[in-house]
Amino acid sequence: MAFAHDAPERGFRLSQLIYDTRYRSLTIQAVTMILVMLGVWWLIGNLLDNLNALGKTFDFGFLEQRAGYDIAQTLIPYSNDSTHARAALVGLLNTLWVSLLGCIAATVIGVVVGILRLSNNWLIARLMTVYVEAFRNVPVLLWILVALAVMTELTPSPSAYRGDDPAAQMLLFDSIAFTNRGTHIAAIEFTRGLGVINTPLAPISLNFVAFALVVIGSIWANRKLRAHAARVQEATGVRPTIWWKSLLILLGPAIFLLLALGITFSLPVLERFNFTGGLNVSNALVSLWLGLSLYTAAFIAEIVRAGILSVSSGQSEAAFALGLRPNRTMKLVVLPQALRVIVPPLISQFLNLTKNSSLAIAVGYMDLRGTLGGITMNQTGREIEAILLMMLIYLLISLSISGVMNLYNRSVKLKER
């Protein structure tokens, strides 16, 4: 009896790189990568040749030179004797600060507006629609300029707070004063400090470190308390009352630490031509924050509305049948399911807000664009180096935001069984 045997496999042939589907995709990718690298190599060589022709070199030594210019709003110590690297760091921190404040405010406003757009109250729903359409269809730069005009033209001068019958009054027990020169607010101070650690970047207050550790510990303890209450509910069917314990755990240690450190408030005081004491927040920062927040919140509101509408109405009807009130239904049933639809486009809005913060140069707020990509670049003539550094920094910021939000997105997505 004869048996049929498979033909012996032939060895590898170069023609398989093109005609064999197992290798063709790898060949195309390798050729593409080589062409891209050759193109980048040619561009870099051409750039260096042109710089040599102009008598320039490609280096970042300018970052160690004296900056020679002042920055009004800073989060870390800075003077005009600092280096350009220090100025760039100040601009970066200003960018991160206004972006963080903008993301928080835009998220809060966007969620509220998105929910109110679905309200059964006709007037509220229409007003929210007008807000969304007005802010979405006007460039963000114009809203930033409008906010700056409001802060500078419609707010009183410091002299309006002077006299027995002043034309303007301070708010919240004389702790806040809005003027056309800036917003003056009370500053927190301590009579008994834990000291300061001096680092090359900035001094670190041990008071702040202690407060942050207490807050983190309180949040961790509260999560443990809530987990214990959930286990008791699963075992007995009755959830114990823990709201007062949570309130005590979250607020008690922090309040005790603040009292132990001797917390006081430095109030702004009008002296001669302007306010002294407290914190002076520039109108440029406030207008940039308001413009970015209100503009981005309009897009977030539509994202939230779409996420809520993506949840089946049967979920709400079932919650109502169980006796849940509408606000509890939205918080416990609808929004948790809508997050899987809301979070991915929300990441894009956070990235857009961060990149739009570069418009700060229009209102005179010294961010990364105003320092490294503005005065530093003009003074040193290092356009290529400054632009490349800015691109790299914005890329790292965007990737960091995407990474953090993607981690959160994975935690809220539906778990398949």
Protein backbone atom coordinates (compact mmCIF):
# COMPACT_ATOMS: atom_id res chain seq x y z
CA MET A 1 0.00 0.00 0.00
CA ALA A 2 1.36 3.44 -0.95
CA PHE A 3 1.15 6.43 1.38
CA ALA A 4 1.17 10.08 0.33
CA HIS A 5 3.67 12.22 2.16
CA ASP A 6 3.80 16.06 2.38
CA ALA A 7 6.33 17.59 0.10
CA PRO A 8 9.42 18.71 1.97
CA GLU A 9 9.45 22.41 2.77
CA ARG A 10 11.91 24.41 0.74
CA GLY A 11 14.32 26.78 2.45
CA PHE A 12 13.78 30.50 2.87
CA ARG A 13 14.05 32.51 -0.36
CA LEU A 14 14.42 36.28 -0.76
CA SER A 15 11.39 36.36 -3.05
CA GLN A 16 9.24 35.43 -0.03
CA LEU A 17 9.84 38.93 1.38
CA ILE A 18 7.61 40.24 -1.41
CA TYR A 19 5.33 37.39 -2.46
CA ASP A 20 4.80 35.55 0.81
CA THR A 21 2.05 37.12 2.97
CA ARG A 22 3.87 35.97 6.09
CA TYR A 23 6.78 38.32 5.41
CA ARG A 24 5.40 40.99 3.08
CA SER A 25 3.96 43.23 5.84
CA LEU A 26 7.29 43.13 7.71
CA THR A 27 9.13 44.04 4.53
CA ILE A 28 6.88 47.04 3.87
CA GLN A 29 7.27 48.27 7.48
CA ALA A 30 11.05 47.89 7.37
CA VAL A 31 11.34 49.76 4.05
CA THR A 32 9.04 52.52 5.32
CA MET A 33 11.05 52.90 8.52
CA ILE A 34 14.32 53.12 6.57
CA LEU A 35 12.87 55.78 4.25
CA VAL A 36 11.54 57.81 7.19
CA MET A 37 14.90 57.63 9.00
CA LEU A 38 16.74 58.67 5.84
CA GLY A 39 14.35 61.60 5.46
CA VAL A 40 14.88 62.69 9.05
CA TRP A 41 18.64 62.31 8.65
CA TRP A 42 18.57 64.49 5.53
CA LEU A 43 16.46 67.16 7.25
CA ILE A 44 18.80 67.27 10.26
CA GLY A 45 21.88 67.46 8.03
CA ASN A 46 20.31 70.20 5.92
CA LEU A 47 19.39 72.14 9.07
CA LEU A 48 22.93 71.92 10.48
CA ASP A 49 24.46 72.96 7.15
CA ASN A 50 22.17 76.02 6.97
CA LEU A 51 22.98 76.97 10.57
CA ASN A 52 26.71 76.68 9.83
CA ALA A 53 26.25 78.89 6.80
CA LEU A 54 24.66 81.51 9.06
CA GLY A 55 27.39 81.18 11.65
CA LYS A 56 25.13 79.50 14.20
CA THR A 57 25.46 76.30 16.19
CA PHE A 58 22.83 73.93 17.51
CA ASP A 59 23.14 73.78 21.29
CA PHE A 60 21.15 74.54 24.42
CA GLY A 61 23.79 76.49 26.29
CA PHE A 62 21.58 79.57 26.18
CA LEU A 63 19.46 78.05 28.95
CA GLU A 64 22.26 78.81 31.45
CA GLN A 65 22.45 82.48 30.47
CA ARG A 66 20.90 85.25 32.57
CA ALA A 67 17.27 85.85 31.63
CA GLY A 68 17.14 89.57 32.44
CA TYR A 69 13.36 89.94 32.46
CA ASP A 70 10.71 89.85 35.16
CA ILE A 71 7.66 87.59 35.44
CA ALA A 72 4.69 88.98 37.34
CA GLN A 73 2.95 85.76 38.41
CA THR A 74 5.24 82.98 39.63
CA LEU A 75 4.75 79.82 41.68
CA ILE A 76 8.42 79.46 42.62
CA PRO A 77 11.05 82.09 43.48
CA TYR A 78 12.33 83.93 40.40
CA SER A 79 14.14 87.18 39.59
CA ASN A 80 15.55 88.75 36.46
CA ASP A 81 18.98 87.45 37.51
CA SER A 82 17.75 83.87 37.11
CA THR A 83 18.67 81.79 34.08
CA HIS A 84 16.58 81.19 30.99
CA ALA A 85 16.12 77.60 32.21
CA ARG A 86 14.58 78.94 35.42
CA ALA A 87 12.32 81.24 33.41
CA ALA A 88 11.21 78.33 31.26
CA LEU A 89 10.46 76.31 34.41
CA VAL A 90 8.37 79.18 35.78
CA GLY A 91 6.47 79.34 32.48
CA LEU A 92 5.94 75.58 32.51
CA LEU A 93 4.54 75.66 36.06
CA ASN A 94 2.25 78.55 35.09
CA THR A 95 1.01 76.51 32.14
CA LEU A 96 0.37 73.46 34.31
CA TRP A 97 -1.35 75.58 36.98
CA VAL A 98 -3.83 77.30 34.65
CA SER A 99 -4.44 74.00 32.83
CA LEU A 100 -5.21 72.20 36.10
CA LEU A 101 -7.56 74.94 37.27
CA GLY A 102 -9.20 75.03 33.85
CA CYS A 103 -9.74 71.26 33.66
CA ILE A 104 -11.34 71.21 37.12
CA ALA A 105 -13.63 74.18 36.48
CA ALA A 106 -14.57 73.04 32.96
CA THR A 107 -15.43 69.55 34.20
CA VAL A 108 -17.66 70.83 37.01
CA ILE A 109 -19.43 73.37 34.80
CA GLY A 110 -19.72 70.94 31.88
CA VAL A 111 -21.27 68.17 33.98
CA VAL A 112 -23.82 70.55 35.52
CA VAL A 113 -24.73 72.13 32.19
CA GLY A 114 -24.91 68.76 30.44
CA ILE A 115 -27.36 67.44 33.04
CA LEU A 116 -29.42 70.64 33.04
CA ARG A 117 -29.76 70.48 29.25
CA LEU A 118 -31.84 67.35 29.80
CA SER A 119 -34.00 69.01 32.46
CA ASN A 120 -37.77 68.86 32.12
CA ASN A 121 -37.85 72.57 32.91
CA TRP A 122 -38.15 74.20 29.49
CA LEU A 123 -36.56 77.51 30.52
CA ILE A 124 -33.49 75.94 32.17
CA ALA A 125 -32.94 73.57 29.26
CA ARG A 126 -33.15 76.43 26.72
CA LEU A 127 -30.79 78.66 28.72
CA MET A 128 -28.21 75.88 28.85
CA THR A 129 -28.61 75.36 25.10
CA VAL A 130 -27.94 79.06 24.51
CA TYR A 131 -24.80 78.86 26.66
CA VAL A 132 -23.47 75.79 24.83
CA GLU A 133 -24.11 77.17 21.36
CA ALA A 134 -22.73 80.63 22.19
CA PHE A 135 -19.45 79.38 23.63
CA ARG A 136 -18.89 76.54 21.15
CA ASN A 137 -19.28 78.72 18.07
CA VAL A 138 -17.07 81.64 19.08
CA PRO A 139 -13.25 81.23 19.07
CA VAL A 140 -11.75 80.71 22.50
CA LEU A 141 -9.34 83.64 22.03
CA LEU A 142 -12.28 86.04 21.82
CA TRP A 143 -13.74 84.69 25.07
CA ILE A 144 -10.36 85.14 26.77
CA LEU A 145 -10.23 88.75 25.58
CA VAL A 146 -13.83 89.32 26.70
CA ALA A 147 -12.96 87.99 30.16
CA LEU A 148 -9.92 90.29 30.29
CA ALA A 149 -12.05 93.27 29.28
CA VAL A 150 -14.54 92.48 32.02
CA MET A 151 -11.79 92.13 34.62
CA THR A 152 -10.06 95.38 33.66
CA GLU A 153 -12.89 97.65 32.51
CA LEU A 154 -15.82 96.66 34.71
CA THR A 155 -14.00 96.22 38.01
CA PRO A 156 -13.29 99.25 40.24
CA SER A 157 -9.90 100.80 40.82
CA PRO A 158 -8.27 100.38 44.25
CA SER A 159 -9.19 103.98 45.11
CA ALA A 160 -12.89 103.00 44.94
CA TYR A 161 -12.40 101.09 48.19
CA ARG A 162 -11.14 104.20 50.01
CA GLY A 163 -13.10 106.55 52.26
CA ASP A 164 -15.90 106.39 54.80
CA ASP A 165 -18.47 105.64 52.10
CA PRO A 166 -16.49 103.71 49.47
CA ALA A 167 -17.94 103.04 46.04
CA ALA A 168 -16.88 99.39 46.22
CA GLN A 169 -17.01 96.87 49.05
CA MET A 170 -14.76 93.92 49.79
CA LEU A 171 -16.38 90.47 49.92
CA LEU A 172 -16.43 87.59 52.42
CA PHE A 173 -15.50 89.49 55.56
CA ASP A 174 -13.05 91.78 53.75
CA SER A 175 -11.06 88.86 52.37
CA ILE A 176 -11.57 89.42 48.60
CA ALA A 177 -11.23 92.60 46.56
CA PHE A 178 -11.74 92.75 42.78
CA THR A 179 -9.87 95.62 41.13
CA ASN A 180 -8.69 96.52 37.66
CA ARG A 181 -5.14 95.82 38.85
CA GLY A 182 -5.81 92.29 40.03
CA THR A 183 -7.82 90.16 42.41
CA HIS A 184 -6.65 90.41 46.02
CA ILE A 185 -7.56 87.51 48.31
CA ALA A 186 -6.63 86.48 51.85
CA ALA A 187 -3.52 84.35 52.23
CA ILE A 188 -3.11 81.47 54.65
CA GLU A 189 -0.25 81.81 57.14
CA PHE A 190 0.94 79.81 60.13
CA THR A 191 2.31 81.10 63.42
CA ARG A 192 3.97 77.76 64.25
CA GLY A 193 5.66 76.30 61.20
CA LEU A 194 7.44 72.99 60.74
CA GLY A 195 10.14 74.55 58.62
CA VAL A 196 11.16 74.62 54.99
CA ILE A 197 13.37 72.34 52.91
CA ASN A 198 15.39 74.30 50.36
CA THR A 199 15.80 72.50 47.04
CA PRO A 200 17.37 73.68 43.77
CA LEU A 201 13.93 74.01 42.19
CA ALA A 202 11.87 75.59 44.98
CA PRO A 203 11.59 75.64 48.77
CA ILE A 204 9.24 72.91 50.07
CA SER A 205 7.08 73.84 53.04
CA LEU A 206 6.87 71.05 55.60
CA ASN A 207 3.49 72.47 56.65
CA PHE A 208 2.17 71.70 53.18
CA VAL A 209 3.76 68.23 53.20
CA ALA A 210 2.20 67.43 56.58
CA PHE A 211 -1.22 68.68 55.45
CA ALA A 212 -1.03 66.65 52.22
CA LEU A 213 -0.10 63.49 54.14
CA VAL A 214 -2.98 64.03 56.58
CA VAL A 215 -5.45 64.50 53.72
CA ILE A 216 -4.21 61.37 51.93
CA GLY A 217 -4.40 59.37 55.14
CA SER A 218 -7.93 60.63 55.82
CA ILE A 219 -9.09 59.64 52.36
CA TRP A 220 -7.54 56.19 52.75
CA ALA A 221 -9.20 55.70 56.16
CA ASN A 222 -12.55 56.82 54.78
CA ARG A 223 -12.29 54.31 51.92
CA LYS A 224 -11.62 51.57 54.46
CA LEU A 225 -14.66 52.70 56.46
CA ARG A 226 -16.90 52.64 53.38
CA ALA A 227 -15.59 49.20 52.39
CA HIS A 228 -16.38 47.89 55.89
CA ALA A 229 -19.89 49.33 55.66
CA ALA A 230 -20.38 47.62 52.30
CA ARG A 231 -19.31 44.27 53.77
CA VAL A 232 -21.73 44.71 56.66
CA GLN A 233 -24.52 45.52 54.22
CA GLU A 234 -23.79 42.41 52.17
CA ALA A 235 -23.79 40.25 55.28
CA THR A 236 -26.83 41.69 57.06
CA GLY A 237 -28.77 43.52 54.38
CA VAL A 238 -28.65 46.74 56.42
CA ARG A 239 -26.11 49.46 55.72
CA PRO A 240 -24.80 51.10 58.91
CA THR A 241 -24.95 54.88 59.28
CA ILE A 242 -21.44 56.15 58.66
CA TRP A 243 -21.88 59.69 57.30
CA TRP A 244 -20.87 61.31 60.58
CA LYS A 245 -17.87 59.01 60.88
CA SER A 246 -16.78 59.86 57.31
CA LEU A 247 -17.17 63.56 58.04
CA LEU A 248 -15.10 63.21 61.22
CA ILE A 249 -12.38 61.20 59.47
CA LEU A 250 -12.12 63.56 56.48
CA LEU A 251 -12.25 66.88 58.35
CA GLY A 252 -11.13 66.14 61.91
CA PRO A 253 -7.40 65.42 61.39
CA ALA A 254 -6.96 68.27 58.90
CA ILE A 255 -8.66 70.80 61.19
CA PHE A 256 -6.65 69.60 64.18
CA LEU A 257 -3.37 69.96 62.23
CA LEU A 258 -4.26 73.46 61.02
CA LEU A 259 -5.11 74.57 64.56
CA ALA A 260 -1.91 73.00 65.88
CA LEU A 261 0.12 74.94 63.31
CA GLY A 262 -1.62 78.17 64.30
CA ILE A 263 -3.44 78.98 61.08
CA THR A 264 -4.12 82.66 60.43
CA PHE A 265 -5.24 84.70 57.44
CA SER A 266 -3.37 87.65 56.00
CA LEU A 267 -6.09 89.98 54.69
CA PRO A 268 -5.50 92.42 51.82
CA VAL A 269 -5.27 96.00 53.11
CA LEU A 270 -5.53 99.15 51.02
CA GLU A 271 -2.45 101.33 51.46
CA ARG A 272 -1.93 104.44 49.37
CA PHE A 273 -2.46 103.41 45.75
CA ASN A 274 -3.00 99.64 45.94
CA PHE A 275 -3.70 96.69 48.20
CA THR A 276 -0.93 95.03 50.18
CA GLY A 277 -0.93 91.74 52.02
CA GLY A 278 -2.70 88.56 51.02
CA LEU A 279 -2.37 87.14 47.52
CA ASN A 280 -2.52 89.20 44.35
CA VAL A 281 -3.89 87.16 41.44
CA SER A 282 -3.34 88.91 38.13
CA ASN A 283 -6.29 89.66 35.89
CA ALA A 284 -4.43 87.93 33.07
CA LEU A 285 -4.54 84.61 34.95
CA VAL A 286 -8.20 85.02 35.92
CA SER A 287 -9.30 85.97 32.40
CA LEU A 288 -7.33 83.11 30.82
CA TRP A 289 -8.79 80.64 33.34
CA LEU A 290 -12.35 81.88 32.81
CA GLY A 291 -12.09 81.91 29.03
CA LEU A 292 -10.61 78.41 28.78
CA SER A 293 -12.98 76.97 31.40
CA LEU A 294 -16.22 78.35 29.98
CA TYR A 295 -15.26 77.50 26.40
CA THR A 296 -14.20 73.92 27.14
CA ALA A 297 -17.18 73.39 29.48
CA ALA A 298 -19.54 73.89 26.52
CA PHE A 299 -17.98 70.91 24.73
CA ILE A 300 -17.88 68.83 27.90
CA ALA A 301 -21.59 69.55 28.42
CA GLU A 302 -22.40 67.99 25.05
CA ILE A 303 -20.20 65.00 25.87
CA VAL A 304 -22.01 64.51 29.18
CA ARG A 305 -25.42 64.88 27.54
CA ALA A 306 -24.51 62.28 24.90
CA GLY A 307 -23.24 59.92 27.59
CA ILE A 308 -26.44 60.21 29.61
CA LEU A 309 -28.61 59.65 26.53
CA SER A 310 -26.60 56.52 25.73
CA VAL A 311 -27.92 54.87 28.91
CA SER A 312 -31.16 53.01 28.36
CA SER A 313 -34.22 54.78 29.78
CA GLY A 314 -35.21 51.47 31.34
CA GLN A 315 -32.38 51.96 33.86
CA SER A 316 -33.97 55.17 35.15
CA GLU A 317 -37.45 53.65 35.14
CA ALA A 318 -36.20 50.69 37.20
CA ALA A 319 -34.55 53.07 39.69
CA PHE A 320 -37.77 55.10 40.00
CA ALA A 321 -39.70 51.88 40.57
CA LEU A 322 -37.38 51.10 43.48
CA GLY A 323 -38.17 54.47 45.02
CA LEU A 324 -34.97 56.38 44.15
CA ARG A 325 -35.36 60.11 43.68
CA PRO A 326 -34.25 61.65 40.35
CA ASN A 327 -31.04 63.13 41.74
CA ARG A 328 -30.07 59.82 43.37
CA THR A 329 -30.92 57.99 40.16
CA MET A 330 -28.65 60.28 38.16
CA LYS A 331 -25.80 59.92 40.68
CA LEU A 332 -26.00 56.20 41.39
CA VAL A 333 -27.44 54.67 38.22
CA VAL A 334 -27.09 56.84 35.13
CA LEU A 335 -23.76 58.65 35.48
CA PRO A 336 -21.69 55.57 36.45
CA GLN A 337 -22.87 53.82 33.27
CA ALA A 338 -22.45 56.95 31.15
CA LEU A 339 -18.80 57.34 32.16
CA ARG A 340 -17.67 54.70 29.66
CA VAL A 341 -18.99 57.00 26.91
CA ILE A 342 -17.96 60.29 28.53
CA VAL A 343 -14.33 59.65 29.51
CA PRO A 344 -12.70 58.98 26.07
CA PRO A 345 -13.80 62.28 24.44
CA LEU A 346 -13.23 64.04 27.75
CA ILE A 347 -9.52 63.23 27.40
CA SER A 348 -9.44 65.14 24.12
CA GLN A 349 -11.02 68.18 25.75
CA PHE A 350 -8.44 68.20 28.54
CA LEU A 351 -5.69 68.03 25.92
CA ASN A 352 -7.26 70.85 23.93
CA LEU A 353 -7.56 73.03 27.02
CA THR A 354 -3.91 72.45 27.91
CA LYS A 355 -2.73 73.33 24.41
CA ASN A 356 -5.09 76.32 24.19
CA SER A 357 -3.41 77.71 27.30
CA SER A 358 -0.63 78.86 24.94
CA LEU A 359 -3.02 81.71 24.04
CA ALA A 360 -1.96 83.24 27.37
CA ILE A 361 0.43 85.47 25.45
CA ALA A 362 -2.61 87.43 24.19
CA VAL A 363 -3.42 88.65 27.72
CA GLY A 364 0.14 88.95 29.02
CA TYR A 365 0.19 85.85 31.21
CA MET A 366 3.69 84.42 31.18
CA ASP A 367 3.31 80.73 30.47
CA LEU A 368 5.69 78.42 28.60
CA ARG A 369 4.87 80.14 25.31
CA GLY A 370 5.54 83.58 26.76
CA THR A 371 8.85 82.68 28.43
CA LEU A 372 10.69 79.99 26.46
CA GLY A 373 8.84 80.59 23.20
CA GLY A 374 8.65 84.36 23.60
CA ILE A 375 11.15 86.56 25.40
CA THR A 376 13.86 83.89 25.75
CA MET A 377 13.69 82.97 22.08
CA ASN A 378 13.79 86.63 20.99
CA GLN A 379 16.69 87.51 23.28
CA THR A 380 18.91 84.54 22.44
CA GLY A 381 18.00 84.04 18.79
CA ARG A 382 17.70 80.27 19.38
CA GLU A 383 14.47 79.74 17.49
CA ILE A 384 15.04 76.10 16.55
CA GLU A 385 16.10 75.01 20.02
CA ALA A 386 13.28 76.89 21.78
CA ILE A 387 10.59 75.58 19.43
CA LEU A 388 11.85 72.00 19.73
CA LEU A 389 11.89 72.24 23.53
CA MET A 390 8.35 73.60 23.58
CA MET A 391 7.12 70.86 21.27
CA LEU A 392 8.75 68.19 23.43
CA ILE A 393 7.31 69.65 26.66
CA TYR A 394 3.77 69.93 25.28
CA LEU A 395 4.08 66.39 23.92
CA LEU A 396 5.10 65.06 27.34
CA ILE A 397 2.28 66.96 29.05
CA SER A 398 -0.28 65.59 26.59
CA LEU A 399 1.00 62.03 26.91
CA SER A 400 0.90 62.29 30.71
CA ILE A 401 -2.71 63.52 30.68
CA SER A 402 -3.70 60.78 28.24
CA GLY A 403 -1.99 58.12 30.35
CA VAL A 404 -3.69 59.18 33.59
CA MET A 405 -7.12 59.49 31.98
CA ASN A 406 -6.74 56.14 30.20
CA LEU A 407 -6.02 54.48 33.53
CA TYR A 408 -9.22 56.00 34.89
CA ASN A 409 -11.08 54.98 31.75
CA ARG A 410 -10.06 51.36 32.26
CA SER A 411 -11.30 51.48 35.84
CA VAL A 412 -14.81 52.64 34.87
CA LYS A 413 -15.38 50.57 31.75
CA LEU A 414 -17.81 47.69 31.79
CA LYS A 415 -16.40 44.44 33.17
CA GLU A 416 -17.32 41.55 30.88
CA ARG A 417 -18.13 38.22 32.46
